[in-house]
């Protein structure tokens, strides 16, 4: 899970082949209905609560 294990959204965008972070955010939101940053916060909170 790159978003959970990577420092920031820009790093994930580059690692997944997106040169434009804003475009990565738009595509991510269109596909998942949530921004990458919000997804990261949600994932981290759920991961911490499940431990």
PDB file of N, CA and C in Angstrom:
ATOM      1  N   UNK A   1       0.840  -1.177   0.000  1.00  0.00           N
ATOM      2  CA  UNK A   1       0.000   0.000   0.000  1.00  0.00           C
ATOM      3  C   UNK A   1       0.882   1.236   0.000  1.00  0.00           C
ATOM      4  N   UNK A   2       1.077   1.808  -1.159  1.00  0.00           N
ATOM      5  CA  UNK A   2       1.989   2.943  -1.294  1.00  0.00           C
ATOM      6  C   UNK A   2       1.568   4.154  -0.476  1.00  0.00           C
ATOM      7  N   UNK A   3       0.302   4.492  -0.488  1.00  0.00           N
ATOM      8  CA  UNK A   3      -0.121   5.686   0.249  1.00  0.00           C
ATOM      9  C   UNK A   3       0.132   5.558   1.741  1.00  0.00           C
ATOM     10  N   UNK A   4      -0.030   4.392   2.276  1.00  0.00           N
ATOM     11  CA  UNK A   4       0.185   4.203   3.710  1.00  0.00           C
ATOM     12  C   UNK A   4       1.663   4.186   4.073  1.00  0.00           C
ATOM     13  N   UNK A   5       2.500   3.718   3.158  1.00  0.00           N
ATOM     14  CA  UNK A   5       3.914   3.524   3.472  1.00  0.00           C
ATOM     15  C   UNK A   5       4.845   4.577   2.885  1.00  0.00           C
ATOM     16  N   UNK A   6       4.302   5.529   2.162  1.00  0.00           N
ATOM     17  CA  UNK A   6       5.125   6.542   1.506  1.00  0.00           C
ATOM     18  C   UNK A   6       4.894   7.892   2.162  1.00  0.00           C
ATOM     19  N   UNK A   7       5.910   8.716   2.154  1.00  0.00           N
ATOM     20  CA  UNK A   7       5.852  10.003   2.826  1.00  0.00           C
ATOM     21  C   UNK A   7       4.741  10.921   2.386  1.00  0.00           C
ATOM     22  N   UNK A   8       4.514  11.031   1.087  1.00  0.00           N
ATOM     23  CA  UNK A   8       3.480  11.958   0.637  1.00  0.00           C
ATOM     24  C   UNK A   8       2.882  11.548  -0.701  1.00  0.00           C
ATOM     25  N   UNK A   9       1.821  12.229  -1.076  1.00  0.00           N
ATOM     26  CA  UNK A   9       1.080  11.905  -2.290  1.00  0.00           C
ATOM     27  C   UNK A   9       1.929  12.146  -3.530  1.00  0.00           C
ATOM     28  N   UNK A  10       2.761  13.167  -3.518  1.00  0.00           N
ATOM     29  CA  UNK A  10       3.614  13.450  -4.681  1.00  0.00           C
ATOM     30  C   UNK A  10       4.563  12.288  -4.954  1.00  0.00           C
ATOM     31  N   UNK A  11       5.095  11.680  -3.905  1.00  0.00           N
ATOM     32  CA  UNK A  11       5.973  10.524  -4.086  1.00  0.00           C
ATOM     33  C   UNK A  11       5.211   9.360  -4.708  1.00  0.00           C
ATOM     34  N   UNK A  12       4.006   9.126  -4.244  1.00  0.00           N
ATOM     35  CA  UNK A  12       3.185   8.040  -4.788  1.00  0.00           C
ATOM     36  C   UNK A  12       2.865   8.313  -6.256  1.00  0.00           C
ATOM     37  N   UNK A  13       2.537   9.550  -6.565  1.00  0.00           N
ATOM     38  CA  UNK A  13       2.245   9.900  -7.960  1.00  0.00           C
ATOM     39  C   UNK A  13       3.438   9.569  -8.854  1.00  0.00           C
ATOM     40  N   UNK A  14       4.615   9.984  -8.447  1.00  0.00           N
ATOM     41  CA  UNK A  14       5.819   9.712  -9.247  1.00  0.00           C
ATOM     42  C   UNK A  14       6.101   8.221  -9.341  1.00  0.00           C
ATOM     43  N   UNK A  15       5.967   7.507  -8.240  1.00  0.00           N
ATOM     44  CA  UNK A  15       6.229   6.070  -8.228  1.00  0.00           C
ATOM     45  C   UNK A  15       5.265   5.291  -9.118  1.00  0.00           C
ATOM     46  N   UNK A  16       4.077   5.829  -9.319  1.00  0.00           N
ATOM     47  CA  UNK A  16       3.085   5.150 -10.146  1.00  0.00           C
ATOM     48  C   UNK A  16       3.034   5.684 -11.569  1.00  0.00           C
ATOM     49  N   UNK A  17       4.003   6.537 -11.927  1.00  0.00           N
ATOM     50  CA  UNK A  17       4.130   6.972 -13.316  1.00  0.00           C
ATOM     51  C   UNK A  17       3.439   8.270 -13.677  1.00  0.00           C
ATOM     52  N   UNK A  18       2.913   8.986 -12.699  1.00  0.00           N
ATOM     53  CA  UNK A  18       2.276  10.273 -12.975  1.00  0.00           C
ATOM     54  C   UNK A  18       3.312  11.378 -12.801  1.00  0.00           C
ATOM     55  N   UNK A  19       3.493  12.188 -13.838  1.00  0.00           N
ATOM     56  CA  UNK A  19       4.416  13.326 -13.756  1.00  0.00           C
ATOM     57  C   UNK A  19       3.737  14.549 -13.151  1.00  0.00           C
ATOM     58  N   UNK A  20       2.417  14.574 -13.200  1.00  0.00           N
ATOM     59  CA  UNK A  20       1.629  15.705 -12.709  1.00  0.00           C
ATOM     60  C   UNK A  20       0.819  15.245 -11.493  1.00  0.00           C
ATOM     61  N   UNK A  21       1.156  15.768 -10.321  1.00  0.00           N
ATOM     62  CA  UNK A  21       0.496  15.361  -9.082  1.00  0.00           C
ATOM     63  C   UNK A  21      -0.980  15.744  -9.102  1.00  0.00           C
ATOM     64  N   UNK A  22      -1.300  16.889  -9.645  1.00  0.00           N
ATOM     65  CA  UNK A  22      -2.702  17.319  -9.703  1.00  0.00           C
ATOM     66  C   UNK A  22      -3.524  16.349 -10.553  1.00  0.00           C
ATOM     67  N   UNK A  23      -2.952  15.891 -11.638  1.00  0.00           N
ATOM     68  CA  UNK A  23      -3.650  14.921 -12.480  1.00  0.00           C
ATOM     69  C   UNK A  23      -3.821  13.598 -11.737  1.00  0.00           C
ATOM     70  N   UNK A  24      -2.812  13.173 -11.011  1.00  0.00           N
ATOM     71  CA  UNK A  24      -2.909  11.962 -10.197  1.00  0.00           C
ATOM     72  C   UNK A  24      -4.065  12.086  -9.211  1.00  0.00           C
ATOM     73  N   UNK A  25      -4.152  13.229  -8.543  1.00  0.00           N
ATOM     74  CA  UNK A  25      -5.240  13.446  -7.577  1.00  0.00           C
ATOM     75  C   UNK A  25      -6.608  13.369  -8.241  1.00  0.00           C
ATOM     76  N   UNK A  26      -6.732  13.990  -9.435  1.00  0.00           N
ATOM     77  CA  UNK A  26      -8.014  13.966 -10.151  1.00  0.00           C
ATOM     78  C   UNK A  26      -8.406  12.545 -10.536  1.00  0.00           C
ATOM     79  N   UNK A  27      -7.457  11.788 -11.073  1.00  0.00           N
ATOM     80  CA  UNK A  27      -7.734  10.410 -11.486  1.00  0.00           C
ATOM     81  C   UNK A  27      -8.081   9.559 -10.271  1.00  0.00           C
ATOM     82  N   UNK A  28      -7.325   9.697  -9.201  1.00  0.00           N
ATOM     83  CA  UNK A  28      -7.569   8.938  -7.976  1.00  0.00           C
ATOM     84  C   UNK A  28      -8.974   9.225  -7.452  1.00  0.00           C
ATOM     85  N   UNK A  29      -9.319  10.509  -7.393  1.00  0.00           N
ATOM     86  CA  UNK A  29     -10.637  10.883  -6.866  1.00  0.00           C
ATOM     87  C   UNK A  29     -11.764  10.386  -7.770  1.00  0.00           C
ATOM     88  N   UNK A  30     -11.538  10.451  -9.062  1.00  0.00           N
ATOM     89  CA  UNK A  30     -12.560   9.980 -10.001  1.00  0.00           C
ATOM     90  C   UNK A  30     -12.784   8.468  -9.831  1.00  0.00           C
ATOM     91  N   UNK A  31     -11.717   7.725  -9.631  1.00  0.00           N
ATOM     92  CA  UNK A  31     -11.826   6.277  -9.504  1.00  0.00           C
ATOM     93  C   UNK A  31     -12.354   5.823  -8.149  1.00  0.00           C
ATOM     94  N   UNK A  32     -11.912   6.493  -7.082  1.00  0.00           N
ATOM     95  CA  UNK A  32     -12.259   6.032  -5.733  1.00  0.00           C
ATOM     96  C   UNK A  32     -13.255   6.923  -4.994  1.00  0.00           C
ATOM     97  N   UNK A  33     -13.505   8.111  -5.519  1.00  0.00           N
ATOM     98  CA  UNK A  33     -14.459   9.007  -4.880  1.00  0.00           C
ATOM     99  C   UNK A  33     -13.926   9.707  -3.650  1.00  0.00           C
ATOM    100  N   UNK A  34     -12.616   9.685  -3.461  1.00  0.00           N
ATOM    101  CA  UNK A  34     -11.970  10.308  -2.305  1.00  0.00           C
ATOM    102  C   UNK A  34     -10.567  10.730  -2.736  1.00  0.00           C
ATOM    103  N   UNK A  35     -10.071  11.799  -2.153  1.00  0.00           N
ATOM    104  CA  UNK A  35      -8.733  12.254  -2.514  1.00  0.00           C
ATOM    105  C   UNK A  35      -7.674  11.313  -1.937  1.00  0.00           C
ATOM    106  N   UNK A  36      -6.481  11.307  -2.528  1.00  0.00           N
ATOM    107  CA  UNK A  36      -5.418  10.457  -1.985  1.00  0.00           C
ATOM    108  C   UNK A  36      -5.086  10.778  -0.528  1.00  0.00           C
ATOM    109  N   UNK A  37      -5.045  12.053  -0.189  1.00  0.00           N
ATOM    110  CA  UNK A  37      -4.721  12.440   1.191  1.00  0.00           C
ATOM    111  C   UNK A  37      -5.803  11.953   2.162  1.00  0.00           C
ATOM    112  N   UNK A  38      -7.062  12.096   1.773  1.00  0.00           N
ATOM    113  CA  UNK A  38      -8.151  11.627   2.629  1.00  0.00           C
ATOM    114  C   UNK A  38      -8.111  10.105   2.747  1.00  0.00           C
ATOM    115  N   UNK A  39      -7.797   9.436   1.666  1.00  0.00           N
ATOM    116  CA  UNK A  39      -7.679   7.979   1.691  1.00  0.00           C
ATOM    117  C   UNK A  39      -6.555   7.555   2.631  1.00  0.00           C
ATOM    118  N   UNK A  40      -5.432   8.260   2.560  1.00  0.00           N
ATOM    119  CA  UNK A  40      -4.301   7.934   3.428  1.00  0.00           C
ATOM    120  C   UNK A  40      -4.681   8.109   4.899  1.00  0.00           C
ATOM    121  N   UNK A  41      -5.349   9.200   5.228  1.00  0.00           N
ATOM    122  CA  UNK A  41      -5.778   9.433   6.609  1.00  0.00           C
ATOM    123  C   UNK A  41      -6.738   8.341   7.064  1.00  0.00           C
ATOM    124  N   UNK A  42      -7.686   8.010   6.213  1.00  0.00           N
ATOM    125  CA  UNK A  42      -8.660   6.977   6.550  1.00  0.00           C
ATOM    126  C   UNK A  42      -7.981   5.633   6.737  1.00  0.00           C
ATOM    127  N   UNK A  43      -7.087   5.266   5.839  1.00  0.00           N
ATOM    128  CA  UNK A  43      -6.402   3.986   5.922  1.00  0.00           C
ATOM    129  C   UNK A  43      -5.559   3.907   7.191  1.00  0.00           C
ATOM    130  N   UNK A  44      -4.818   4.966   7.478  1.00  0.00           N
ATOM    131  CA  UNK A  44      -3.961   4.964   8.671  1.00  0.00           C
ATOM    132  C   UNK A  44      -4.797   4.869   9.939  1.00  0.00           C
ATOM    133  N   UNK A  45      -5.905   5.582  10.003  1.00  0.00           N
ATOM    134  CA  UNK A  45      -6.771   5.542  11.179  1.00  0.00           C
ATOM    135  C   UNK A  45      -7.358   4.147  11.356  1.00  0.00           C
ATOM    136  N   UNK A  46      -7.845   3.533  10.268  1.00  0.00           N
ATOM    137  CA  UNK A  46      -8.401   2.189  10.355  1.00  0.00           C
ATOM    138  C   UNK A  46      -7.337   1.173  10.723  1.00  0.00           C
ATOM    139  N   UNK A  47      -6.138   1.343  10.174  1.00  0.00           N
ATOM    140  CA  UNK A  47      -5.037   0.411  10.453  1.00  0.00           C
ATOM    141  C   UNK A  47      -4.645   0.481  11.930  1.00  0.00           C
ATOM    142  N   UNK A  48      -4.584   1.672  12.473  1.00  0.00           N
ATOM    143  CA  UNK A  48      -4.216   1.853  13.879  1.00  0.00           C
ATOM    144  C   UNK A  48      -5.314   1.269  14.781  1.00  0.00           C
ATOM    145  N   UNK A  49      -6.588   1.517  14.422  1.00  0.00           N
ATOM    146  CA  UNK A  49      -7.695   1.016  15.238  1.00  0.00           C
ATOM    147  C   UNK A  49      -7.812  -0.499  15.204  1.00  0.00           C
ATOM    148  N   UNK A  50      -7.324  -1.146  14.147  1.00  0.00           N
ATOM    149  CA  UNK A  50      -7.454  -2.596  14.038  1.00  0.00           C
ATOM    150  C   UNK A  50      -6.348  -3.345  14.782  1.00  0.00           C
ATOM    151  N   UNK A  51      -5.377  -2.622  15.279  1.00  0.00           N
ATOM    152  CA  UNK A  51      -4.263  -3.280  15.997  1.00  0.00           C
ATOM    153  C   UNK A  51      -4.538  -3.434  17.468  1.00  0.00           C
TER     154      UNK A  51
END
